[in-house]
Amino acid sequence: MDAKLECKIREFYGFERLTLLDRLGGLSAVNLKVQLDAGLFVLKRFRSNNEEDVFRMEAVTALLDRSSLPVSLPLAGKGGALHFELDGRYHALFPFVEGMTLHEPSLTAPSLSSAAILLSQLHRVDVPQSVGLMSKGESRAPAEVFRDTARAFLARACAIPLEESTRNLIKQLIKAKVRMLAILSKARGSLGTPTARHLVHGDFHNENLIFDSEGNVVRVLDFEETHLNHRVRDVFSFINHACCNTGFGSANMEKATLFLRSYNAMYALTDQEVEGGAIGLIEGLCSSLFLERVVVDEGNAELISILERDLRKVNYFATHAETWISELRSAGK
């Protein structure tokens, strides 16, 4: 661990003993397992360096601290603040939680049901106006703007040294995304979007949940993206990243159906919400160049398999989107 970071942790929290044990998962954030005077903790360096995001996270922490939900919240420093800044990035300490993270093949009916029930409880948390938590609008660019951005990115990708197979994969994926977004722009215009606002996690999937040996969720992690929005954002985030991370075959769709039914049993979604959430999932997949940028700008070849997976997903939606949405809409009945 960087000596300056160690010094900052000791100063901010008042701990004397500090030992780095392990680097944990995280693509755009950094998570370190550390031993401190008071026990085991996870030091998280947040993705955002925006002060407004820190204010939002602190408001969310105060709100969730008053709830009965099993959530992992940051440790307060000596002065009561929950986050500290170092070299332009914000950090916080969280108690280390014992348990398991379950990957897609290991998700069972009890674990899917437990995740769905807990998510429905999060969405029912009352958010008083006094909390000052604002709604977060959609930030996706129109299809035409994304097309122009994608063209500029492809031109840059073609001008730097890359494996030819990687360059061709990126070309195929981006072209497929542009085509799919053109189709979605018409569907979105006719369908509209759900209008209700709920407290949403913002990154709800299996790797942000800790399970016990029986498949029950014992802790929810990572509230960095929590805000007010359409609750379907969380529901379909879980379907995409937990149930159908590797694709939309029958076994994965069975998990998606079970999760959706369990959620609906607690807090039913309307047909419009399901349709809007499904389209939002496809739109979110197709309107991001995040992974492509990491591969091109950082040379991270480990993400190539994920780009291949995303290409399969986009191609699937190009021919099966309507059937897929209909199947999910029926699943909640």
Protein backbone atom coordinates (compact mmCIF):
# COMPACT_ATOMS: atom_id res chain seq x y z
CA MET A 1 0.00 0.00 0.00
CA ASP A 2 1.20 3.51 -0.80
CA ALA A 3 2.87 5.14 2.23
CA LYS A 4 0.90 8.35 1.73
CA LEU A 5 -2.37 6.36 1.76
CA GLU A 6 -1.36 4.55 4.95
CA CYS A 7 -0.59 7.86 6.62
CA LYS A 8 -3.93 9.30 5.54
CA ILE A 9 -5.86 6.31 6.93
CA ARG A 10 -4.09 6.60 10.30
CA GLU A 11 -4.76 10.34 10.40
CA PHE A 12 -8.43 10.12 9.31
CA TYR A 13 -9.53 7.16 11.45
CA GLY A 14 -7.02 7.23 14.30
CA PHE A 15 -5.79 3.65 13.82
CA GLU A 16 -2.22 2.67 14.66
CA ARG A 17 -1.88 -0.82 13.21
CA LEU A 18 -2.55 -1.22 9.48
CA THR A 19 -1.69 -4.22 7.29
CA LEU A 20 -2.64 -4.78 3.65
CA LEU A 21 -3.87 -8.37 3.24
CA ASP A 22 -5.27 -8.67 -0.28
CA ARG A 23 -6.58 -6.83 -3.32
CA LEU A 24 -10.23 -7.71 -3.93
CA GLY A 25 -12.30 -7.54 -7.11
CA GLY A 26 -13.40 -4.40 -8.89
CA LEU A 27 -13.03 -3.17 -12.44
CA SER A 28 -13.21 0.60 -12.17
CA ALA A 29 -13.00 0.90 -8.38
CA VAL A 30 -10.18 -0.35 -6.16
CA ASN A 31 -10.94 -2.55 -3.12
CA LEU A 32 -8.25 -3.55 -0.61
CA LYS A 33 -8.68 -5.92 2.33
CA VAL A 34 -6.85 -4.49 5.35
CA GLN A 35 -6.24 -5.45 8.96
CA LEU A 36 -6.67 -2.57 11.42
CA ASP A 37 -6.77 -2.22 15.20
CA ALA A 38 -10.53 -2.78 15.20
CA GLY A 39 -10.54 -5.83 12.88
CA LEU A 40 -10.84 -6.56 9.18
CA PHE A 41 -11.98 -3.85 6.77
CA VAL A 42 -12.22 -3.17 3.06
CA LEU A 43 -10.72 0.07 1.82
CA LYS A 44 -12.61 1.27 -1.24
CA ARG A 45 -11.35 3.87 -3.68
CA PHE A 46 -14.40 5.19 -5.47
CA ARG A 47 -14.81 5.52 -9.21
CA SER A 48 -16.06 9.08 -8.97
CA ASN A 49 -13.95 12.06 -7.90
CA ASN A 50 -17.00 14.36 -7.89
CA GLU A 51 -17.73 16.04 -4.56
CA GLU A 52 -21.48 16.03 -5.30
CA ASP A 53 -21.35 12.23 -5.53
CA VAL A 54 -19.78 12.10 -2.07
CA PHE A 55 -22.58 14.25 -0.65
CA ARG A 56 -25.11 11.90 -2.27
CA MET A 57 -23.37 8.81 -0.85
CA GLU A 58 -23.36 10.33 2.63
CA ALA A 59 -27.09 11.12 2.34
CA VAL A 60 -27.73 7.52 1.25
CA THR A 61 -25.66 6.21 4.17
CA ALA A 62 -27.68 8.24 6.67
CA LEU A 63 -30.92 6.99 5.12
CA LEU A 64 -29.93 3.32 5.07
CA ASP A 65 -28.48 3.50 8.57
CA ARG A 66 -32.03 4.14 9.82
CA SER A 67 -33.43 1.16 7.92
CA SER A 68 -33.47 -2.48 8.96
CA LEU A 69 -31.87 -3.64 5.70
CA PRO A 70 -28.67 -5.75 5.91
CA VAL A 71 -26.39 -3.19 4.25
CA SER A 72 -22.67 -2.54 4.48
CA LEU A 73 -22.04 1.12 5.37
CA PRO A 74 -18.77 3.08 5.69
CA LEU A 75 -16.95 3.61 8.95
CA ALA A 76 -16.92 7.16 10.28
CA GLY A 77 -13.59 8.89 10.75
CA LYS A 78 -12.49 10.73 13.91
CA GLY A 79 -14.32 13.89 12.84
CA GLY A 80 -17.50 12.06 11.82
CA ALA A 81 -16.92 12.21 8.05
CA LEU A 82 -17.43 9.00 6.10
CA HIS A 83 -15.09 9.59 3.16
CA PHE A 84 -11.62 11.09 2.74
CA GLU A 85 -9.94 12.52 -0.31
CA LEU A 86 -6.41 11.71 -1.46
CA ASP A 87 -4.83 12.71 -4.77
CA GLY A 88 -8.20 13.70 -6.19
CA ARG A 89 -9.94 10.38 -5.38
CA TYR A 90 -12.35 9.59 -2.55
CA HIS A 91 -11.88 6.62 -0.21
CA ALA A 92 -13.78 4.95 2.63
CA LEU A 93 -13.42 1.99 4.99
CA PHE A 94 -16.13 -0.68 5.24
CA PRO A 95 -16.31 -3.57 7.73
CA PHE A 96 -15.25 -6.83 6.06
CA VAL A 97 -18.25 -9.16 5.74
CA GLU A 98 -17.82 -12.93 6.07
CA GLY A 99 -19.81 -15.01 3.62
CA MET A 100 -19.90 -15.98 -0.05
CA THR A 101 -20.39 -14.28 -3.38
CA LEU A 102 -22.27 -16.54 -5.78
CA HIS A 103 -21.54 -16.52 -9.49
CA GLU A 104 -24.13 -17.25 -12.16
CA PRO A 105 -23.84 -21.09 -12.13
CA SER A 106 -24.11 -21.17 -8.31
CA LEU A 107 -27.27 -19.07 -8.00
CA THR A 108 -30.02 -21.32 -6.67
CA ALA A 109 -33.76 -20.79 -6.27
CA PRO A 110 -33.35 -19.76 -2.59
CA SER A 111 -30.56 -17.28 -3.38
CA LEU A 112 -32.51 -15.74 -6.28
CA SER A 113 -35.62 -15.45 -4.14
CA SER A 114 -33.66 -13.93 -1.24
CA ALA A 115 -32.08 -11.34 -3.56
CA ALA A 116 -35.47 -10.44 -5.05
CA ILE A 117 -37.15 -10.04 -1.66
CA LEU A 118 -34.34 -7.84 -0.35
CA LEU A 119 -34.44 -5.68 -3.48
CA SER A 120 -38.18 -5.17 -3.10
CA GLN A 121 -37.57 -4.03 0.48
CA LEU A 122 -34.94 -1.53 -0.67
CA HIS A 123 -37.37 -0.13 -3.22
CA ARG A 124 -39.95 0.44 -0.47
CA VAL A 125 -37.60 2.58 1.64
CA ASP A 126 -39.23 5.95 2.18
CA VAL A 127 -37.03 8.87 1.11
CA PRO A 128 -38.07 12.09 2.88
CA GLN A 129 -37.48 15.32 0.99
CA SER A 130 -35.34 16.48 3.91
CA VAL A 131 -32.71 13.91 2.93
CA GLY A 132 -31.97 15.97 -0.16
CA LEU A 133 -31.51 12.96 -2.42
CA MET A 134 -32.14 13.97 -6.01
CA SER A 135 -33.46 11.91 -8.90
CA LYS A 136 -30.87 10.86 -11.43
CA GLY A 137 -31.96 11.37 -14.99
CA GLU A 138 -31.12 9.17 -17.96
CA SER A 139 -27.67 10.05 -19.26
CA ARG A 140 -27.66 8.01 -22.46
CA ALA A 141 -27.06 9.92 -25.64
CA PRO A 142 -29.53 9.72 -28.54
CA ALA A 143 -28.75 7.06 -31.16
CA GLU A 144 -27.41 9.65 -33.60
CA VAL A 145 -25.01 11.12 -31.02
CA PHE A 146 -23.78 7.66 -30.01
CA ARG A 147 -23.23 6.81 -33.68
CA ASP A 148 -20.98 9.86 -34.12
CA THR A 149 -19.12 9.11 -30.88
CA ALA A 150 -18.65 5.50 -31.96
CA ARG A 151 -17.27 6.54 -35.35
CA ALA A 152 -14.71 8.82 -33.72
CA PHE A 153 -13.72 6.05 -31.30
CA LEU A 154 -13.35 3.52 -34.13
CA ALA A 155 -11.14 5.94 -36.05
CA ARG A 156 -8.88 6.20 -33.01
CA ALA A 157 -8.89 2.44 -32.46
CA CYS A 158 -7.80 1.91 -36.07
CA ALA A 159 -4.90 4.37 -35.67
CA ILE A 160 -3.14 2.67 -32.74
CA PRO A 161 -1.38 -0.72 -32.49
CA LEU A 162 -3.90 -3.48 -31.72
CA GLU A 163 -4.18 -7.16 -32.48
CA GLU A 164 -6.13 -7.40 -35.72
CA SER A 165 -8.58 -9.86 -34.17
CA THR A 166 -9.24 -7.41 -31.31
CA ARG A 167 -9.74 -4.51 -33.71
CA ASN A 168 -12.21 -6.56 -35.79
CA LEU A 169 -14.11 -7.62 -32.68
CA ILE A 170 -14.47 -4.00 -31.55
CA LYS A 171 -15.64 -2.98 -35.03
CA GLN A 172 -18.26 -5.72 -35.11
CA LEU A 173 -19.52 -4.94 -31.62
CA ILE A 174 -19.81 -1.19 -32.13
CA LYS A 175 -21.55 -1.56 -35.48
CA ALA A 176 -24.01 -4.01 -33.91
CA LYS A 177 -24.67 -1.54 -31.08
CA VAL A 178 -25.33 1.33 -33.50
CA ARG A 179 -27.81 -0.79 -35.47
CA MET A 180 -29.62 -1.92 -32.32
CA LEU A 181 -29.87 1.61 -30.93
CA ALA A 182 -31.50 2.80 -34.17
CA ILE A 183 -34.19 0.14 -33.67
CA LEU A 184 -34.59 0.95 -29.97
CA SER A 185 -35.03 4.68 -30.56
CA LYS A 186 -38.32 3.93 -32.33
CA ALA A 187 -39.48 1.48 -29.66
CA ARG A 188 -38.59 3.89 -26.85
CA GLY A 189 -40.57 6.66 -28.50
CA SER A 190 -43.71 4.56 -28.72
CA LEU A 191 -43.40 2.85 -25.34
CA GLY A 192 -42.23 5.64 -23.05
CA THR A 193 -40.59 4.90 -19.68
CA PRO A 194 -41.86 4.09 -16.18
CA THR A 195 -42.56 7.28 -14.27
CA ALA A 196 -42.34 6.27 -10.60
CA ARG A 197 -39.13 6.96 -8.67
CA HIS A 198 -37.70 4.72 -5.99
CA LEU A 199 -34.48 4.40 -4.05
CA VAL A 200 -32.42 2.22 -6.38
CA HIS A 201 -29.10 0.55 -5.62
CA GLY A 202 -27.67 1.46 -9.02
CA ASP A 203 -25.40 -1.59 -9.37
CA PHE A 204 -27.48 -4.46 -8.04
CA HIS A 205 -26.11 -7.87 -8.99
CA ASN A 206 -24.80 -11.06 -7.40
CA GLU A 207 -21.23 -9.83 -6.82
CA ASN A 208 -22.51 -6.97 -4.67
CA LEU A 209 -24.33 -9.44 -2.42
CA ILE A 210 -22.93 -11.64 0.35
CA PHE A 211 -24.76 -14.94 0.91
CA ASP A 212 -24.70 -17.45 3.74
CA SER A 213 -24.35 -21.21 3.22
CA GLU A 214 -28.11 -21.58 2.74
CA GLY A 215 -28.31 -18.99 -0.02
CA ASN A 216 -29.75 -16.14 2.03
CA VAL A 217 -28.46 -12.61 1.42
CA VAL A 218 -26.71 -11.46 4.59
CA ARG A 219 -25.31 -8.17 3.30
CA VAL A 220 -25.69 -5.76 0.38
CA LEU A 221 -22.51 -3.97 -0.71
CA ASP A 222 -21.51 -0.94 -2.77
CA PHE A 223 -24.00 1.92 -2.64
CA GLU A 224 -21.79 4.23 -4.70
CA GLU A 225 -24.41 4.53 -7.45
CA THR A 226 -27.53 4.64 -5.23
CA HIS A 227 -30.03 7.37 -6.18
CA LEU A 228 -33.70 7.93 -7.03
CA ASN A 229 -34.75 6.36 -10.31
CA HIS A 230 -37.00 3.75 -11.91
CA ARG A 231 -36.87 0.56 -9.81
CA VAL A 232 -36.71 -1.54 -12.98
CA ARG A 233 -33.11 -0.37 -13.36
CA ASP A 234 -32.17 -2.60 -10.40
CA VAL A 235 -34.42 -5.49 -11.40
CA PHE A 236 -32.99 -5.71 -14.90
CA SER A 237 -29.43 -5.06 -13.75
CA PHE A 238 -29.70 -8.27 -11.73
CA ILE A 239 -31.32 -10.16 -14.60
CA ASN A 240 -28.56 -9.08 -16.99
CA HIS A 241 -25.50 -9.47 -14.75
CA ALA A 242 -26.55 -12.30 -12.42
CA CYS A 243 -29.13 -14.47 -14.18
CA CYS A 244 -28.09 -13.96 -17.82
CA ASN A 245 -24.48 -12.85 -17.65
CA THR A 246 -23.37 -15.53 -20.12
CA GLY A 247 -26.41 -15.34 -22.39
CA PHE A 248 -30.14 -15.94 -22.65
CA GLY A 249 -30.36 -19.70 -22.93
CA SER A 250 -33.17 -21.64 -21.27
CA ALA A 251 -31.32 -22.30 -17.99
CA ASN A 252 -30.45 -18.63 -17.55
CA MET A 253 -33.94 -17.47 -18.50
CA GLU A 254 -35.37 -19.87 -15.94
CA LYS A 255 -33.30 -18.05 -13.29
CA ALA A 256 -34.45 -14.66 -14.62
CA THR A 257 -38.07 -15.81 -14.50
CA LEU A 258 -37.73 -17.10 -10.93
CA PHE A 259 -36.11 -13.85 -9.78
CA LEU A 260 -38.77 -11.72 -11.47
CA ARG A 261 -41.63 -13.79 -10.03
CA SER A 262 -40.14 -13.56 -6.54
CA TYR A 263 -39.83 -9.79 -6.87
CA ASN A 264 -43.37 -9.43 -8.23
CA ALA A 265 -44.75 -11.47 -5.34
CA MET A 266 -43.43 -8.77 -2.99
CA TYR A 267 -43.82 -5.59 -5.08
CA ALA A 268 -45.51 -6.21 -8.40
CA LEU A 269 -44.28 -4.52 -11.58
CA THR A 270 -46.69 -3.34 -14.24
CA ASP A 271 -46.40 -4.52 -17.84
CA GLN A 272 -45.17 -1.06 -18.77
CA GLU A 273 -42.43 -1.24 -16.13
CA VAL A 274 -41.28 -4.66 -17.37
CA GLU A 275 -41.23 -3.51 -20.99
CA GLY A 276 -39.48 -0.26 -20.12
CA GLY A 277 -36.92 -2.08 -17.97
CA ALA A 278 -36.19 -4.65 -20.66
CA ILE A 279 -35.69 -1.99 -23.31
CA GLY A 280 -33.57 0.00 -20.86
CA LEU A 281 -31.34 -3.05 -20.33
CA ILE A 282 -30.76 -3.44 -24.07
CA GLU A 283 -30.26 0.29 -24.49
CA GLY A 284 -27.73 0.39 -21.65
CA LEU A 285 -25.76 -2.48 -23.15
CA CYS A 286 -25.70 -0.86 -26.58
CA SER A 287 -25.01 2.75 -25.59
CA SER A 288 -21.78 2.23 -23.63
CA LEU A 289 -18.20 2.15 -24.92
CA PHE A 290 -16.69 1.71 -21.45
CA LEU A 291 -15.17 -1.75 -21.98
CA GLU A 292 -14.03 -0.93 -25.50
CA ARG A 293 -12.19 2.14 -24.15
CA VAL A 294 -10.48 0.09 -21.44
CA VAL A 295 -9.27 -2.44 -24.03
CA VAL A 296 -8.04 0.24 -26.45
CA ASP A 297 -6.68 2.82 -24.00
CA GLU A 298 -5.25 0.49 -21.36
CA GLY A 299 -4.47 -2.56 -23.49
CA ASN A 300 -6.48 -4.77 -21.14
CA ALA A 301 -6.72 -8.01 -23.13
CA GLU A 302 -8.48 -9.76 -20.22
CA LEU A 303 -11.72 -8.00 -21.24
CA ILE A 304 -11.79 -9.41 -24.76
CA SER A 305 -13.90 -12.38 -23.68
CA ILE A 306 -16.42 -9.93 -22.19
CA LEU A 307 -16.56 -8.01 -25.47
CA GLU A 308 -17.22 -11.32 -27.25
CA ARG A 309 -20.02 -12.03 -24.77
CA ASP A 310 -21.54 -8.59 -25.35
CA LEU A 311 -21.45 -9.11 -29.12
CA ARG A 312 -23.40 -12.34 -28.67
CA LYS A 313 -25.93 -10.51 -26.50
CA VAL A 314 -26.41 -7.63 -28.94
CA ASN A 315 -26.83 -10.05 -31.85
CA TYR A 316 -29.34 -12.03 -29.80
CA PHE A 317 -31.41 -8.92 -29.16
CA ALA A 318 -31.30 -7.97 -32.83
CA THR A 319 -33.44 -11.02 -33.63
CA HIS A 320 -35.11 -11.98 -30.32
CA ALA A 321 -35.80 -8.74 -28.42
CA GLU A 322 -39.57 -8.81 -28.86
CA THR A 323 -39.85 -12.49 -27.88
CA TRP A 324 -37.53 -11.97 -24.91
CA ILE A 325 -39.55 -9.02 -23.59
CA SER A 326 -42.79 -10.96 -24.02
CA GLU A 327 -41.34 -13.91 -22.09
CA LEU A 328 -40.34 -11.67 -19.20
CA ARG A 329 -43.69 -9.89 -19.18
CA SER A 330 -45.44 -13.26 -18.92
CA ALA A 331 -43.05 -14.39 -16.19
CA GLY A 332 -44.51 -11.97 -13.71
CA LYS A 333 -48.07 -13.14 -14.09
